[in-house]
């Protein structure tokens, strides 16, 4: 007899992938700081993730 293959569940796969490979980094900023940061990110055409990765790279260089 042939065994039935389990149907691929993409939503479940993504959830499990994130649990295994990703961690969330959140901070509380003052409203003014947040607005300044958002403006700077727009000016430099950066996403929040790119900003954090750039900061991490700079800290690792020191």
PDB file of N, CA and C in Angstrom:
ATOM      1  N   UNK A   1       0.827  -1.188   0.000  1.00  0.00           N
ATOM      2  CA  UNK A   1       0.000   0.000   0.000  1.00  0.00           C
ATOM      3  C   UNK A   1       0.868   1.247   0.000  1.00  0.00           C
ATOM      4  N   UNK A   2       0.382   2.240  -0.667  1.00  0.00           N
ATOM      5  CA  UNK A   2       1.084   3.518  -0.695  1.00  0.00           C
ATOM      6  C   UNK A   2       0.643   4.358   0.492  1.00  0.00           C
ATOM      7  N   UNK A   3       1.620   5.003   1.094  1.00  0.00           N
ATOM      8  CA  UNK A   3       1.303   5.921   2.188  1.00  0.00           C
ATOM      9  C   UNK A   3       0.927   7.273   1.605  1.00  0.00           C
ATOM     10  N   UNK A   4      -0.041   7.907   2.220  1.00  0.00           N
ATOM     11  CA  UNK A   4      -0.442   9.230   1.757  1.00  0.00           C
ATOM     12  C   UNK A   4       0.602  10.251   2.199  1.00  0.00           C
ATOM     13  N   UNK A   5       0.993  11.092   1.259  1.00  0.00           N
ATOM     14  CA  UNK A   5       1.910  12.181   1.603  1.00  0.00           C
ATOM     15  C   UNK A   5       1.137  13.270   2.304  1.00  0.00           C
ATOM     16  N   UNK A   6       1.750  13.816   3.327  1.00  0.00           N
ATOM     17  CA  UNK A   6       1.122  14.918   4.032  1.00  0.00           C
ATOM     18  C   UNK A   6       1.203  16.163   3.159  1.00  0.00           C
ATOM     19  N   UNK A   7       0.114  16.893   3.066  1.00  0.00           N
ATOM     20  CA  UNK A   7       0.065  18.086   2.249  1.00  0.00           C
ATOM     21  C   UNK A   7       0.962  19.169   2.865  1.00  0.00           C
ATOM     22  N   UNK A   8       1.722  19.845   2.016  1.00  0.00           N
ATOM     23  CA  UNK A   8       2.631  20.896   2.466  1.00  0.00           C
ATOM     24  C   UNK A   8       1.831  22.082   2.972  1.00  0.00           C
ATOM     25  N   UNK A   9       2.128  22.511   4.188  1.00  0.00           N
ATOM     26  CA  UNK A   9       1.445  23.647   4.786  1.00  0.00           C
ATOM     27  C   UNK A   9       2.458  24.788   4.893  1.00  0.00           C
ATOM     28  N   UNK A  10       2.380  25.725   3.964  1.00  0.00           N
ATOM     29  CA  UNK A  10       3.356  26.806   3.900  1.00  0.00           C
ATOM     30  C   UNK A  10       3.299  27.696   5.139  1.00  0.00           C
ATOM     31  N   UNK A  11       2.104  27.989   5.625  1.00  0.00           N
ATOM     32  CA  UNK A  11       1.964  28.851   6.793  1.00  0.00           C
ATOM     33  C   UNK A  11       2.658  28.226   8.003  1.00  0.00           C
ATOM     34  N   UNK A  12       2.464  26.944   8.207  1.00  0.00           N
ATOM     35  CA  UNK A  12       3.099  26.233   9.323  1.00  0.00           C
ATOM     36  C   UNK A  12       4.616  26.188   9.147  1.00  0.00           C
ATOM     37  N   UNK A  13       5.058  25.986   7.902  1.00  0.00           N
ATOM     38  CA  UNK A  13       6.489  25.950   7.601  1.00  0.00           C
ATOM     39  C   UNK A  13       7.144  27.282   7.961  1.00  0.00           C
ATOM     40  N   UNK A  14       6.507  28.399   7.568  1.00  0.00           N
ATOM     41  CA  UNK A  14       7.058  29.728   7.847  1.00  0.00           C
ATOM     42  C   UNK A  14       7.135  29.973   9.343  1.00  0.00           C
ATOM     43  N   UNK A  15       6.089  29.603  10.073  1.00  0.00           N
ATOM     44  CA  UNK A  15       6.088  29.776  11.529  1.00  0.00           C
ATOM     45  C   UNK A  15       7.226  28.992  12.163  1.00  0.00           C
ATOM     46  N   UNK A  16       7.403  27.746  11.762  1.00  0.00           N
ATOM     47  CA  UNK A  16       8.473  26.913  12.319  1.00  0.00           C
ATOM     48  C   UNK A  16       9.848  27.428  11.925  1.00  0.00           C
ATOM     49  N   UNK A  17       9.992  27.918  10.692  1.00  0.00           N
ATOM     50  CA  UNK A  17      11.265  28.474  10.236  1.00  0.00           C
ATOM     51  C   UNK A  17      11.644  29.678  11.094  1.00  0.00           C
ATOM     52  N   UNK A  18      10.680  30.569  11.316  1.00  0.00           N
ATOM     53  CA  UNK A  18      10.954  31.761  12.121  1.00  0.00           C
ATOM     54  C   UNK A  18      11.317  31.404  13.560  1.00  0.00           C
ATOM     55  N   UNK A  19      10.636  30.413  14.119  1.00  0.00           N
ATOM     56  CA  UNK A  19      10.945  29.995  15.489  1.00  0.00           C
ATOM     57  C   UNK A  19      12.375  29.478  15.583  1.00  0.00           C
ATOM     58  N   UNK A  20      12.844  28.828  14.537  1.00  0.00           N
ATOM     59  CA  UNK A  20      14.171  28.221  14.533  1.00  0.00           C
ATOM     60  C   UNK A  20      15.275  29.207  14.167  1.00  0.00           C
ATOM     61  N   UNK A  21      15.015  30.118  13.221  1.00  0.00           N
ATOM     62  CA  UNK A  21      16.076  30.941  12.645  1.00  0.00           C
ATOM     63  C   UNK A  21      16.011  32.429  12.951  1.00  0.00           C
ATOM     64  N   UNK A  22      14.956  32.909  13.557  1.00  0.00           N
ATOM     65  CA  UNK A  22      14.797  34.351  13.771  1.00  0.00           C
ATOM     66  C   UNK A  22      14.520  34.654  15.240  1.00  0.00           C
ATOM     67  N   UNK A  23      14.894  35.840  15.658  1.00  0.00           N
ATOM     68  CA  UNK A  23      14.564  36.381  16.979  1.00  0.00           C
ATOM     69  C   UNK A  23      14.147  37.830  16.769  1.00  0.00           C
ATOM     70  N   UNK A  24      13.206  38.300  17.557  1.00  0.00           N
ATOM     71  CA  UNK A  24      12.733  39.667  17.429  1.00  0.00           C
ATOM     72  C   UNK A  24      13.483  40.567  18.407  1.00  0.00           C
ATOM     73  N   UNK A  25      13.787  41.779  17.954  1.00  0.00           N
ATOM     74  CA  UNK A  25      14.491  42.778  18.747  1.00  0.00           C
ATOM     75  C   UNK A  25      13.610  44.012  18.805  1.00  0.00           C
ATOM     76  N   UNK A  26      13.082  44.315  19.971  1.00  0.00           N
ATOM     77  CA  UNK A  26      12.186  45.473  20.100  1.00  0.00           C
ATOM     78  C   UNK A  26      12.714  46.426  21.159  1.00  0.00           C
ATOM     79  N   UNK A  27      12.455  47.695  20.950  1.00  0.00           N
ATOM     80  CA  UNK A  27      12.871  48.723  21.903  1.00  0.00           C
ATOM     81  C   UNK A  27      11.764  49.754  22.045  1.00  0.00           C
ATOM     82  N   UNK A  28      11.786  50.462  23.157  1.00  0.00           N
ATOM     83  CA  UNK A  28      10.885  51.596  23.370  1.00  0.00           C
ATOM     84  C   UNK A  28      11.680  52.875  23.181  1.00  0.00           C
ATOM     85  N   UNK A  29      11.192  53.733  22.301  1.00  0.00           N
ATOM     86  CA  UNK A  29      11.828  55.026  22.056  1.00  0.00           C
ATOM     87  C   UNK A  29      10.862  56.132  22.436  1.00  0.00           C
ATOM     88  N   UNK A  30      11.424  57.272  22.796  1.00  0.00           N
ATOM     89  CA  UNK A  30      10.582  58.450  22.982  1.00  0.00           C
ATOM     90  C   UNK A  30       9.981  58.813  21.625  1.00  0.00           C
ATOM     91  N   UNK A  31       8.841  59.446  21.640  1.00  0.00           N
ATOM     92  CA  UNK A  31       8.150  59.796  20.399  1.00  0.00           C
ATOM     93  C   UNK A  31       9.050  60.639  19.491  1.00  0.00           C
ATOM     94  N   UNK A  32       9.743  61.621  20.072  1.00  0.00           N
ATOM     95  CA  UNK A  32      10.638  62.472  19.276  1.00  0.00           C
ATOM     96  C   UNK A  32      11.762  61.664  18.643  1.00  0.00           C
ATOM     97  N   UNK A  33      12.357  60.773  19.421  1.00  0.00           N
ATOM     98  CA  UNK A  33      13.439  59.930  18.898  1.00  0.00           C
ATOM     99  C   UNK A  33      12.939  59.046  17.757  1.00  0.00           C
ATOM    100  N   UNK A  34      11.757  58.494  17.938  1.00  0.00           N
ATOM    101  CA  UNK A  34      11.182  57.622  16.914  1.00  0.00           C
ATOM    102  C   UNK A  34      10.945  58.399  15.621  1.00  0.00           C
ATOM    103  N   UNK A  35      10.388  59.590  15.742  1.00  0.00           N
ATOM    104  CA  UNK A  35      10.117  60.405  14.556  1.00  0.00           C
ATOM    105  C   UNK A  35      11.404  60.808  13.841  1.00  0.00           C
ATOM    106  N   UNK A  36      12.418  61.176  14.613  1.00  0.00           N
ATOM    107  CA  UNK A  36      13.717  61.521  14.022  1.00  0.00           C
ATOM    108  C   UNK A  36      14.306  60.314  13.302  1.00  0.00           C
ATOM    109  N   UNK A  37      14.245  59.167  13.951  1.00  0.00           N
ATOM    110  CA  UNK A  37      14.784  57.946  13.344  1.00  0.00           C
ATOM    111  C   UNK A  37      14.053  57.611  12.041  1.00  0.00           C
ATOM    112  N   UNK A  38      12.742  57.679  12.054  1.00  0.00           N
ATOM    113  CA  UNK A  38      11.961  57.386  10.839  1.00  0.00           C
ATOM    114  C   UNK A  38      12.326  58.340   9.706  1.00  0.00           C
ATOM    115  N   UNK A  39      12.481  59.619  10.027  1.00  0.00           N
ATOM    116  CA  UNK A  39      12.876  60.605   9.008  1.00  0.00           C
ATOM    117  C   UNK A  39      14.251  60.291   8.442  1.00  0.00           C
ATOM    118  N   UNK A  40      15.187  59.952   9.317  1.00  0.00           N
ATOM    119  CA  UNK A  40      16.542  59.612   8.861  1.00  0.00           C
ATOM    120  C   UNK A  40      16.551  58.357   7.998  1.00  0.00           C
ATOM    121  N   UNK A  41      15.766  57.387   8.379  1.00  0.00           N
ATOM    122  CA  UNK A  41      15.687  56.160   7.582  1.00  0.00           C
ATOM    123  C   UNK A  41      15.141  56.451   6.188  1.00  0.00           C
ATOM    124  N   UNK A  42      14.135  57.325   6.111  1.00  0.00           N
ATOM    125  CA  UNK A  42      13.578  57.706   4.805  1.00  0.00           C
ATOM    126  C   UNK A  42      14.620  58.442   3.972  1.00  0.00           C
ATOM    127  N   UNK A  43      15.349  59.369   4.609  1.00  0.00           N
ATOM    128  CA  UNK A  43      16.368  60.146   3.891  1.00  0.00           C
ATOM    129  C   UNK A  43      17.455  59.257   3.322  1.00  0.00           C
ATOM    130  N   UNK A  44      17.811  58.217   4.073  1.00  0.00           N
ATOM    131  CA  UNK A  44      18.892  57.327   3.644  1.00  0.00           C
ATOM    132  C   UNK A  44      18.373  56.070   2.961  1.00  0.00           C
ATOM    133  N   UNK A  45      17.059  56.024   2.742  1.00  0.00           N
ATOM    134  CA  UNK A  45      16.433  54.903   2.049  1.00  0.00           C
ATOM    135  C   UNK A  45      16.788  53.561   2.702  1.00  0.00           C
ATOM    136  N   UNK A  46      16.635  53.499   4.026  1.00  0.00           N
ATOM    137  CA  UNK A  46      16.935  52.289   4.794  1.00  0.00           C
ATOM    138  C   UNK A  46      15.683  51.754   5.469  1.00  0.00           C
ATOM    139  N   UNK A  47      15.634  50.450   5.607  1.00  0.00           N
ATOM    140  CA  UNK A  47      14.582  49.839   6.413  1.00  0.00           C
ATOM    141  C   UNK A  47      15.099  49.737   7.846  1.00  0.00           C
ATOM    142  N   UNK A  48      14.206  49.419   8.765  1.00  0.00           N
ATOM    143  CA  UNK A  48      14.614  49.261  10.162  1.00  0.00           C
ATOM    144  C   UNK A  48      15.611  48.112  10.296  1.00  0.00           C
ATOM    145  N   UNK A  49      15.387  47.042   9.549  1.00  0.00           N
ATOM    146  CA  UNK A  49      16.295  45.884   9.604  1.00  0.00           C
ATOM    147  C   UNK A  49      17.679  46.273   9.083  1.00  0.00           C
ATOM    148  N   UNK A  50      17.714  47.005   7.977  1.00  0.00           N
ATOM    149  CA  UNK A  50      19.003  47.435   7.428  1.00  0.00           C
ATOM    150  C   UNK A  50      19.738  48.329   8.425  1.00  0.00           C
ATOM    151  N   UNK A  51      19.007  49.202   9.093  1.00  0.00           N
ATOM    152  CA  UNK A  51      19.605  50.090  10.087  1.00  0.00           C
ATOM    153  C   UNK A  51      20.246  49.293  11.217  1.00  0.00           C
ATOM    154  N   UNK A  52      19.522  48.325  11.747  1.00  0.00           N
ATOM    155  CA  UNK A  52      20.048  47.516  12.856  1.00  0.00           C
ATOM    156  C   UNK A  52      21.253  46.709  12.390  1.00  0.00           C
ATOM    157  N   UNK A  53      21.185  46.141  11.202  1.00  0.00           N
ATOM    158  CA  UNK A  53      22.324  45.357  10.680  1.00  0.00           C
ATOM    159  C   UNK A  53      23.547  46.240  10.451  1.00  0.00           C
ATOM    160  N   UNK A  54      23.332  47.461   9.950  1.00  0.00           N
ATOM    161  CA  UNK A  54      24.454  48.393   9.768  1.00  0.00           C
ATOM    162  C   UNK A  54      25.070  48.757  11.118  1.00  0.00           C
ATOM    163  N   UNK A  55      24.231  49.011  12.112  1.00  0.00           N
ATOM    164  CA  UNK A  55      24.735  49.345  13.446  1.00  0.00           C
ATOM    165  C   UNK A  55      25.511  48.166  14.025  1.00  0.00           C
ATOM    166  N   UNK A  56      25.003  46.968  13.857  1.00  0.00           N
ATOM    167  CA  UNK A  56      25.689  45.767  14.336  1.00  0.00           C
ATOM    168  C   UNK A  56      27.056  45.615  13.672  1.00  0.00           C
ATOM    169  N   UNK A  57      27.104  45.822  12.369  1.00  0.00           N
ATOM    170  CA  UNK A  57      28.387  45.729  11.646  1.00  0.00           C
ATOM    171  C   UNK A  57      29.384  46.771  12.158  1.00  0.00           C
ATOM    172  N   UNK A  58      28.914  47.985  12.407  1.00  0.00           N
ATOM    173  CA  UNK A  58      29.799  49.032  12.914  1.00  0.00           C
ATOM    174  C   UNK A  58      30.326  48.692  14.312  1.00  0.00           C
ATOM    175  N   UNK A  59      29.486  48.155  15.159  1.00  0.00           N
ATOM    176  CA  UNK A  59      29.912  47.784  16.502  1.00  0.00           C
ATOM    177  C   UNK A  59      30.917  46.625  16.459  1.00  0.00           C
ATOM    178  N   UNK A  60      30.727  45.718  15.531  1.00  0.00           N
ATOM    179  CA  UNK A  60      31.652  44.579  15.423  1.00  0.00           C
ATOM    180  C   UNK A  60      33.025  45.013  14.906  1.00  0.00           C
ATOM    181  N   UNK A  61      33.084  46.092  14.151  1.00  0.00           N
ATOM    182  CA  UNK A  61      34.358  46.586  13.616  1.00  0.00           C
ATOM    183  C   UNK A  61      35.248  47.137  14.728  1.00  0.00           C
ATOM    184  N   UNK A  62      34.638  47.623  15.816  1.00  0.00           N
ATOM    185  CA  UNK A  62      35.409  48.254  16.901  1.00  0.00           C
ATOM    186  C   UNK A  62      36.155  47.231  17.725  1.00  0.00           C
TER     187      UNK A  62
END
